[in-house]
Amino acid sequence: MLPRSSKEMSKSGEFVAKDELRPGDLVFFNTMRSAFSHVGIYLGDNQFVHAPRAGGRVRIEDLRESYWIKRFNGARRINPA
């Protein structure tokens, strides 16, 4: 089971280099002036899914957009138990 907060999730699983991302990997961003403050799920082809805020509409974004490039903190792979 994953922890609730993105900061705690960032300590789970194993580190994944950006060029080795696979669908299902967690991608982390600094969106609130705090490292690992936001998380999404990598879909493949530089796409990830996330909810921009509580109650916000879930959407798909491109990791190559400048907003996300500047805020990318890393990725983790969670292996099922």
C-alpha atoms as a PDB file:
ATOM      1  CA  MET A   1       0.000   0.000   0.000  1.00  0.00           C
ATOM      2  CA  LEU A   2       1.267   3.470  -0.863  1.00  0.00           C
ATOM      3  CA  PRO A   3       1.452   6.264   1.687  1.00  0.00           C
ATOM      4  CA  ARG A   4      -1.051   9.096   1.328  1.00  0.00           C
ATOM      5  CA  SER A   5       1.264  12.055   0.598  1.00  0.00           C
ATOM      6  CA  SER A   6       3.375  12.511  -2.523  1.00  0.00           C
ATOM      7  CA  LYS A   7       6.402  13.332  -0.345  1.00  0.00           C
ATOM      8  CA  GLU A   8       6.100   9.956   1.414  1.00  0.00           C
ATOM      9  CA  MET A   9       5.404   8.155  -1.893  1.00  0.00           C
ATOM     10  CA  SER A  10       8.684   9.542  -3.222  1.00  0.00           C
ATOM     11  CA  LYS A  11      10.503   7.344  -0.692  1.00  0.00           C
ATOM     12  CA  SER A  12       8.747   4.144  -1.826  1.00  0.00           C
ATOM     13  CA  GLY A  13       9.906   1.699  -4.463  1.00  0.00           C
ATOM     14  CA  GLU A  14      13.062   2.217  -6.478  1.00  0.00           C
ATOM     15  CA  PHE A  15      14.562   5.192  -8.288  1.00  0.00           C
ATOM     16  CA  VAL A  16      13.948   5.340 -12.044  1.00  0.00           C
ATOM     17  CA  ALA A  17      15.930   7.539 -14.441  1.00  0.00           C
ATOM     18  CA  LYS A  18      13.764   9.779 -16.628  1.00  0.00           C
ATOM     19  CA  ASP A  19      14.959   8.028 -19.788  1.00  0.00           C
ATOM     20  CA  GLU A  20      13.965   4.625 -18.333  1.00  0.00           C
ATOM     21  CA  LEU A  21      10.357   5.423 -17.429  1.00  0.00           C
ATOM     22  CA  ARG A  22       7.771   2.706 -18.005  1.00  0.00           C
ATOM     23  CA  PRO A  23       3.981   2.904 -17.814  1.00  0.00           C
ATOM     24  CA  GLY A  24       2.876   2.756 -14.185  1.00  0.00           C
ATOM     25  CA  ASP A  25       5.929   4.540 -12.766  1.00  0.00           C
ATOM     26  CA  LEU A  26       5.235   7.445 -10.434  1.00  0.00           C
ATOM     27  CA  VAL A  27       6.539  10.847 -11.571  1.00  0.00           C
ATOM     28  CA  PHE A  28       7.105  13.624  -9.039  1.00  0.00           C
ATOM     29  CA  PHE A  29       7.108  17.387  -9.347  1.00  0.00           C
ATOM     30  CA  ASN A  30       7.742  20.522  -7.318  1.00  0.00           C
ATOM     31  CA  THR A  31       4.513  22.456  -7.873  1.00  0.00           C
ATOM     32  CA  MET A  32       4.184  24.193  -4.500  1.00  0.00           C
ATOM     33  CA  ARG A  33       7.752  25.361  -3.868  1.00  0.00           C
ATOM     34  CA  SER A  34       8.395  22.065  -2.172  1.00  0.00           C
ATOM     35  CA  ALA A  35      10.156  19.018  -3.605  1.00  0.00           C
ATOM     36  CA  PHE A  36       7.907  16.036  -4.336  1.00  0.00           C
ATOM     37  CA  SER A  37       4.732  18.075  -3.714  1.00  0.00           C
ATOM     38  CA  HIS A  38       2.846  16.565  -6.678  1.00  0.00           C
ATOM     39  CA  VAL A  39       2.673  13.085  -8.210  1.00  0.00           C
ATOM     40  CA  GLY A  40       1.364  11.580 -11.435  1.00  0.00           C
ATOM     41  CA  ILE A  41       1.384   8.170 -13.097  1.00  0.00           C
ATOM     42  CA  TYR A  42       3.466   7.727 -16.231  1.00  0.00           C
ATOM     43  CA  LEU A  43       1.493   6.383 -19.209  1.00  0.00           C
ATOM     44  CA  GLY A  44       4.248   6.075 -21.839  1.00  0.00           C
ATOM     45  CA  ASP A  45       5.247   8.297 -24.779  1.00  0.00           C
ATOM     46  CA  ASN A  46       6.096  11.184 -22.402  1.00  0.00           C
ATOM     47  CA  GLN A  47       2.505  11.298 -21.119  1.00  0.00           C
ATOM     48  CA  PHE A  48       1.349  11.128 -17.515  1.00  0.00           C
ATOM     49  CA  VAL A  49      -2.001  11.351 -15.753  1.00  0.00           C
ATOM     50  CA  HIS A  50      -2.648  13.436 -12.641  1.00  0.00           C
ATOM     51  CA  ALA A  51      -5.231  15.476 -10.772  1.00  0.00           C
ATOM     52  CA  PRO A  52      -4.064  19.100 -10.704  1.00  0.00           C
ATOM     53  CA  ARG A  53      -5.739  19.799  -7.339  1.00  0.00           C
ATOM     54  CA  ALA A  54      -8.167  18.265  -4.875  1.00  0.00           C
ATOM     55  CA  GLY A  55     -11.520  18.096  -6.602  1.00  0.00           C
ATOM     56  CA  GLY A  56      -9.886  19.011  -9.923  1.00  0.00           C
ATOM     57  CA  ARG A  57     -10.483  17.189 -13.174  1.00  0.00           C
ATOM     58  CA  VAL A  58      -8.031  14.366 -13.873  1.00  0.00           C
ATOM     59  CA  ARG A  59      -6.027  15.070 -17.023  1.00  0.00           C
ATOM     60  CA  ILE A  60      -3.191  13.841 -19.186  1.00  0.00           C
ATOM     61  CA  GLU A  61      -0.100  16.024 -19.622  1.00  0.00           C
ATOM     62  CA  ASP A  62       3.152  15.852 -21.580  1.00  0.00           C
ATOM     63  CA  LEU A  63       6.426  15.660 -19.635  1.00  0.00           C
ATOM     64  CA  ARG A  64       8.077  17.710 -22.410  1.00  0.00           C
ATOM     65  CA  GLU A  65       6.018  20.825 -21.649  1.00  0.00           C
ATOM     66  CA  SER A  66       8.216  23.526 -20.142  1.00  0.00           C
ATOM     67  CA  TYR A  67       6.063  23.759 -17.000  1.00  0.00           C
ATOM     68  CA  TRP A  68       6.694  20.092 -16.171  1.00  0.00           C
ATOM     69  CA  ILE A  69      10.335  20.055 -17.306  1.00  0.00           C
ATOM     70  CA  LYS A  70      11.170  22.832 -14.818  1.00  0.00           C
ATOM     71  CA  ARG A  71       9.368  21.089 -11.969  1.00  0.00           C
ATOM     72  CA  PHE A  72      10.325  17.434 -12.479  1.00  0.00           C
ATOM     73  CA  ASN A  73      11.812  15.961  -9.265  1.00  0.00           C
ATOM     74  CA  GLY A  74      12.238  12.322 -10.229  1.00  0.00           C
ATOM     75  CA  ALA A  75      10.453   9.012 -10.623  1.00  0.00           C
ATOM     76  CA  ARG A  76       9.936   5.819  -8.673  1.00  0.00           C
ATOM     77  CA  ARG A  77       8.878   2.323  -9.645  1.00  0.00           C
ATOM     78  CA  ILE A  78       6.626   0.511  -7.215  1.00  0.00           C
ATOM     79  CA  ASN A  79       6.901  -3.252  -7.471  1.00  0.00           C
ATOM     80  CA  PRO A  80       3.816  -5.216  -6.449  1.00  0.00           C
ATOM     81  CA  ALA A  81       4.167  -7.317  -3.303  1.00  0.00           C
END
